[in-house]
Structures are given as structure tokens and as C-alpha cells.
Amino acid sequence: MQTNLGKTRVPTMSTIAEIEAAITRLPLKDAEELREWLGQWLEDQMEMTPEFQASIERGKADIAAGRSRVVRP
């Protein structure tokens, strides 16, 4: 099955394995653009969901209780 995307015919991919295989065939520049887009998309999906807000509160509580450590590169 293929999907039309403007003038380009893009094969429909339904599994992560198919998507991963397609990504490995991208030129480096396109893969970098995909990485940027995916990072932004994931960030947008996580923005202040109840679960994300709860994880922030847990982190603040851990820091306040001294359950944290400094990680240096």
C-alpha cells in the first residue's frame, strides 16, 4: 500500500521495524531533520499531561528530601 504525499508516493509503514529500515536509507541531512522534528513532536506530546506534571512534582519532592545527586559529564 502507498500513500500520496503531494507528488511523492510514500509507502505506508505499519511497524517500527519498517520505519527503522526506512530511516536507515535516508541521507544524513534528512535523518537530522527527522530527529529535530521527532524531538519537537515528542516534546509537544508530553507538554503538561497529568502524568508529566506528576513526574515534575515527584522530582521536586525528591530534591527537597535530598534524594538527588549531581551528575557531571
N, C-alpha and C. Protein backbone atom coordinates (compact mmCIF):
# COMPACT_ATOMS: atom_id res chain seq x y z
N MET A 1 0.84 -1.18 0.00
CA MET A 1 0.00 0.00 0.00
C MET A 1 0.89 1.25 0.00
N GLN A 2 0.48 2.27 -0.75
CA GLN A 2 1.23 3.51 -0.78
C GLN A 2 0.29 4.67 -0.57
N THR A 3 0.83 5.75 -0.03
CA THR A 3 0.08 6.97 0.23
C THR A 3 0.67 8.08 -0.61
N ASN A 4 -0.19 8.92 -1.19
CA ASN A 4 0.30 10.08 -1.93
C ASN A 4 0.55 11.21 -0.96
N LEU A 5 1.71 11.79 -1.02
CA LEU A 5 2.08 12.91 -0.17
C LEU A 5 2.54 14.00 -1.12
N GLY A 6 1.61 14.87 -1.52
CA GLY A 6 1.93 15.83 -2.57
C GLY A 6 2.15 15.06 -3.85
N LYS A 7 3.31 15.21 -4.48
CA LYS A 7 3.62 14.48 -5.71
C LYS A 7 4.43 13.22 -5.45
N THR A 8 4.84 13.01 -4.19
CA THR A 8 5.67 11.87 -3.85
C THR A 8 4.82 10.72 -3.37
N ARG A 9 5.10 9.53 -3.86
CA ARG A 9 4.40 8.34 -3.38
C ARG A 9 5.22 7.75 -2.24
N VAL A 10 4.59 7.67 -1.08
CA VAL A 10 5.27 7.19 0.12
C VAL A 10 4.63 5.86 0.53
N PRO A 11 5.45 4.81 0.66
CA PRO A 11 4.86 3.54 1.10
C PRO A 11 4.35 3.65 2.53
N THR A 12 3.21 3.04 2.79
CA THR A 12 2.66 3.02 4.13
C THR A 12 3.47 2.06 4.99
N MET A 13 3.86 2.51 6.16
CA MET A 13 4.65 1.69 7.07
C MET A 13 3.84 1.48 8.34
N SER A 14 3.71 0.22 8.74
CA SER A 14 2.86 -0.06 9.89
C SER A 14 3.61 -0.61 11.09
N THR A 15 4.88 -0.90 10.94
CA THR A 15 5.62 -1.43 12.08
C THR A 15 6.86 -0.58 12.33
N ILE A 16 7.33 -0.63 13.55
CA ILE A 16 8.54 0.10 13.90
C ILE A 16 9.71 -0.41 13.08
N ALA A 17 9.77 -1.70 12.84
CA ALA A 17 10.87 -2.27 12.04
C ALA A 17 10.88 -1.67 10.63
N GLU A 18 9.71 -1.50 10.03
CA GLU A 18 9.63 -0.90 8.69
C GLU A 18 10.08 0.56 8.72
N ILE A 19 9.67 1.27 9.75
CA ILE A 19 10.06 2.68 9.88
C ILE A 19 11.56 2.80 10.11
N GLU A 20 12.11 1.95 10.99
CA GLU A 20 13.55 1.97 11.25
C GLU A 20 14.33 1.68 9.98
N ALA A 21 13.87 0.70 9.21
CA ALA A 21 14.57 0.36 7.97
C ALA A 21 14.54 1.53 6.99
N ALA A 22 13.41 2.21 6.90
CA ALA A 22 13.30 3.36 6.01
C ALA A 22 14.22 4.49 6.46
N ILE A 23 14.31 4.70 7.75
CA ILE A 23 15.17 5.77 8.29
C ILE A 23 16.63 5.50 7.94
N THR A 24 17.05 4.25 7.99
CA THR A 24 18.46 3.94 7.68
C THR A 24 18.80 4.24 6.23
N ARG A 25 17.80 4.37 5.37
CA ARG A 25 18.06 4.68 3.96
C ARG A 25 18.04 6.19 3.68
N LEU A 26 17.75 7.00 4.69
CA LEU A 26 17.71 8.44 4.49
C LEU A 26 19.12 9.02 4.38
N PRO A 27 19.28 10.07 3.58
CA PRO A 27 20.54 10.80 3.62
C PRO A 27 20.70 11.42 5.01
N LEU A 28 21.93 11.63 5.44
CA LEU A 28 22.20 12.14 6.79
C LEU A 28 21.45 13.44 7.06
N LYS A 29 21.42 14.35 6.10
CA LYS A 29 20.74 15.63 6.29
C LYS A 29 19.25 15.41 6.59
N ASP A 30 18.61 14.49 5.86
CA ASP A 30 17.20 14.21 6.10
C ASP A 30 16.99 13.54 7.46
N ALA A 31 17.91 12.65 7.84
CA ALA A 31 17.81 11.99 9.15
C ALA A 31 17.93 13.02 10.28
N GLU A 32 18.81 14.00 10.10
CA GLU A 32 18.95 15.06 11.11
C GLU A 32 17.67 15.89 11.20
N GLU A 33 17.05 16.19 10.06
CA GLU A 33 15.79 16.92 10.07
C GLU A 33 14.69 16.10 10.75
N LEU A 34 14.69 14.80 10.49
CA LEU A 34 13.72 13.91 11.14
C LEU A 34 13.92 13.89 12.64
N ARG A 35 15.18 13.84 13.08
CA ARG A 35 15.47 13.85 14.52
C ARG A 35 14.93 15.12 15.17
N GLU A 36 15.16 16.25 14.54
CA GLU A 36 14.66 17.52 15.08
C GLU A 36 13.14 17.52 15.15
N TRP A 37 12.49 17.08 14.07
CA TRP A 37 11.03 17.05 14.03
C TRP A 37 10.49 16.10 15.10
N LEU A 38 11.08 14.91 15.21
CA LEU A 38 10.60 13.92 16.18
C LEU A 38 10.79 14.43 17.60
N GLY A 39 11.91 15.08 17.88
CA GLY A 39 12.13 15.64 19.21
C GLY A 39 11.08 16.68 19.55
N GLN A 40 10.77 17.55 18.61
CA GLN A 40 9.73 18.56 18.83
C GLN A 40 8.37 17.92 19.03
N TRP A 41 8.06 16.91 18.21
CA TRP A 41 6.77 16.24 18.30
C TRP A 41 6.61 15.55 19.65
N LEU A 42 7.66 14.85 20.08
CA LEU A 42 7.61 14.18 21.38
C LEU A 42 7.46 15.18 22.51
N GLU A 43 8.17 16.29 22.42
CA GLU A 43 8.05 17.33 23.44
C GLU A 43 6.63 17.87 23.49
N ASP A 44 6.04 18.10 22.33
CA ASP A 44 4.66 18.59 22.29
C ASP A 44 3.69 17.59 22.91
N GLN A 45 3.94 16.30 22.70
CA GLN A 45 3.05 15.27 23.24
C GLN A 45 3.13 15.20 24.76
N MET A 46 4.28 15.57 25.31
CA MET A 46 4.49 15.46 26.74
C MET A 46 4.09 16.71 27.52
N GLU A 47 3.84 17.79 26.80
CA GLU A 47 3.62 19.05 27.49
C GLU A 47 2.46 18.97 28.49
N MET A 48 2.82 19.06 29.71
CA MET A 48 1.92 19.20 30.84
C MET A 48 0.73 18.25 30.85
N THR A 49 0.96 17.00 30.47
CA THR A 49 -0.06 15.99 30.72
C THR A 49 -0.09 15.77 32.22
N PRO A 50 -1.16 15.21 32.75
CA PRO A 50 -1.20 14.94 34.19
C PRO A 50 -0.01 14.07 34.64
N GLU A 51 0.38 13.09 33.81
CA GLU A 51 1.50 12.23 34.17
C GLU A 51 2.81 13.02 34.21
N PHE A 52 3.01 13.90 33.25
CA PHE A 52 4.22 14.70 33.21
C PHE A 52 4.27 15.66 34.40
N GLN A 53 3.16 16.28 34.72
CA GLN A 53 3.09 17.18 35.87
C GLN A 53 3.39 16.41 37.16
N ALA A 54 2.86 15.20 37.27
CA ALA A 54 3.11 14.37 38.46
C ALA A 54 4.60 14.02 38.56
N SER A 55 5.24 13.74 37.42
CA SER A 55 6.68 13.41 37.46
C SER A 55 7.49 14.62 37.90
N ILE A 56 7.09 15.81 37.50
CA ILE A 56 7.77 17.03 37.94
C ILE A 56 7.63 17.18 39.45
N GLU A 57 6.43 16.96 39.96
CA GLU A 57 6.19 17.08 41.41
C GLU A 57 6.99 16.04 42.18
N ARG A 58 7.08 14.81 41.66
CA ARG A 58 7.88 13.78 42.31
C ARG A 58 9.35 14.18 42.34
N GLY A 59 9.83 14.74 41.23
CA GLY A 59 11.21 15.20 41.17
C GLY A 59 11.49 16.30 42.18
N LYS A 60 10.57 17.25 42.29
CA LYS A 60 10.73 18.33 43.26
C LYS A 60 10.75 17.78 44.68
N ALA A 61 9.88 16.82 44.96
CA ALA A 61 9.85 16.21 46.30
C ALA A 61 11.14 15.45 46.58
N ASP A 62 11.67 14.74 45.57
CA ASP A 62 12.93 14.01 45.75
C ASP A 62 14.07 14.98 46.06
N ILE A 63 14.13 16.09 45.33
CA ILE A 63 15.19 17.08 45.57
C ILE A 63 15.05 17.67 46.97
N ALA A 64 13.83 18.02 47.36
CA ALA A 64 13.60 18.60 48.68
C ALA A 64 13.97 17.62 49.79
N ALA A 65 13.79 16.32 49.54
CA ALA A 65 14.09 15.30 50.55
C ALA A 65 15.54 14.84 50.49
N GLY A 66 16.33 15.43 49.59
CA GLY A 66 17.73 15.06 49.48
C GLY A 66 17.98 13.79 48.70
N ARG A 67 16.99 13.33 47.97
CA ARG A 67 17.14 12.11 47.15
C ARG A 67 17.54 12.50 45.72
N SER A 68 18.68 13.15 45.61
CA SER A 68 19.17 13.54 44.28
C SER A 68 20.69 13.56 44.32
N ARG A 69 21.30 13.60 43.15
CA ARG A 69 22.75 13.68 43.08
C ARG A 69 23.12 14.49 41.85
N VAL A 70 24.29 15.07 41.90
CA VAL A 70 24.79 15.87 40.78
C VAL A 70 25.53 14.93 39.85
N VAL A 71 25.20 15.00 38.59
CA VAL A 71 25.89 14.19 37.58
C VAL A 71 26.71 15.13 36.73
N ARG A 72 27.98 14.87 36.69
CA ARG A 72 28.87 15.72 35.89
C ARG A 72 29.31 14.96 34.65
N PRO A 73 29.40 15.66 33.53
CA PRO A 73 29.83 14.98 32.29
C PRO A 73 31.27 14.57 32.34
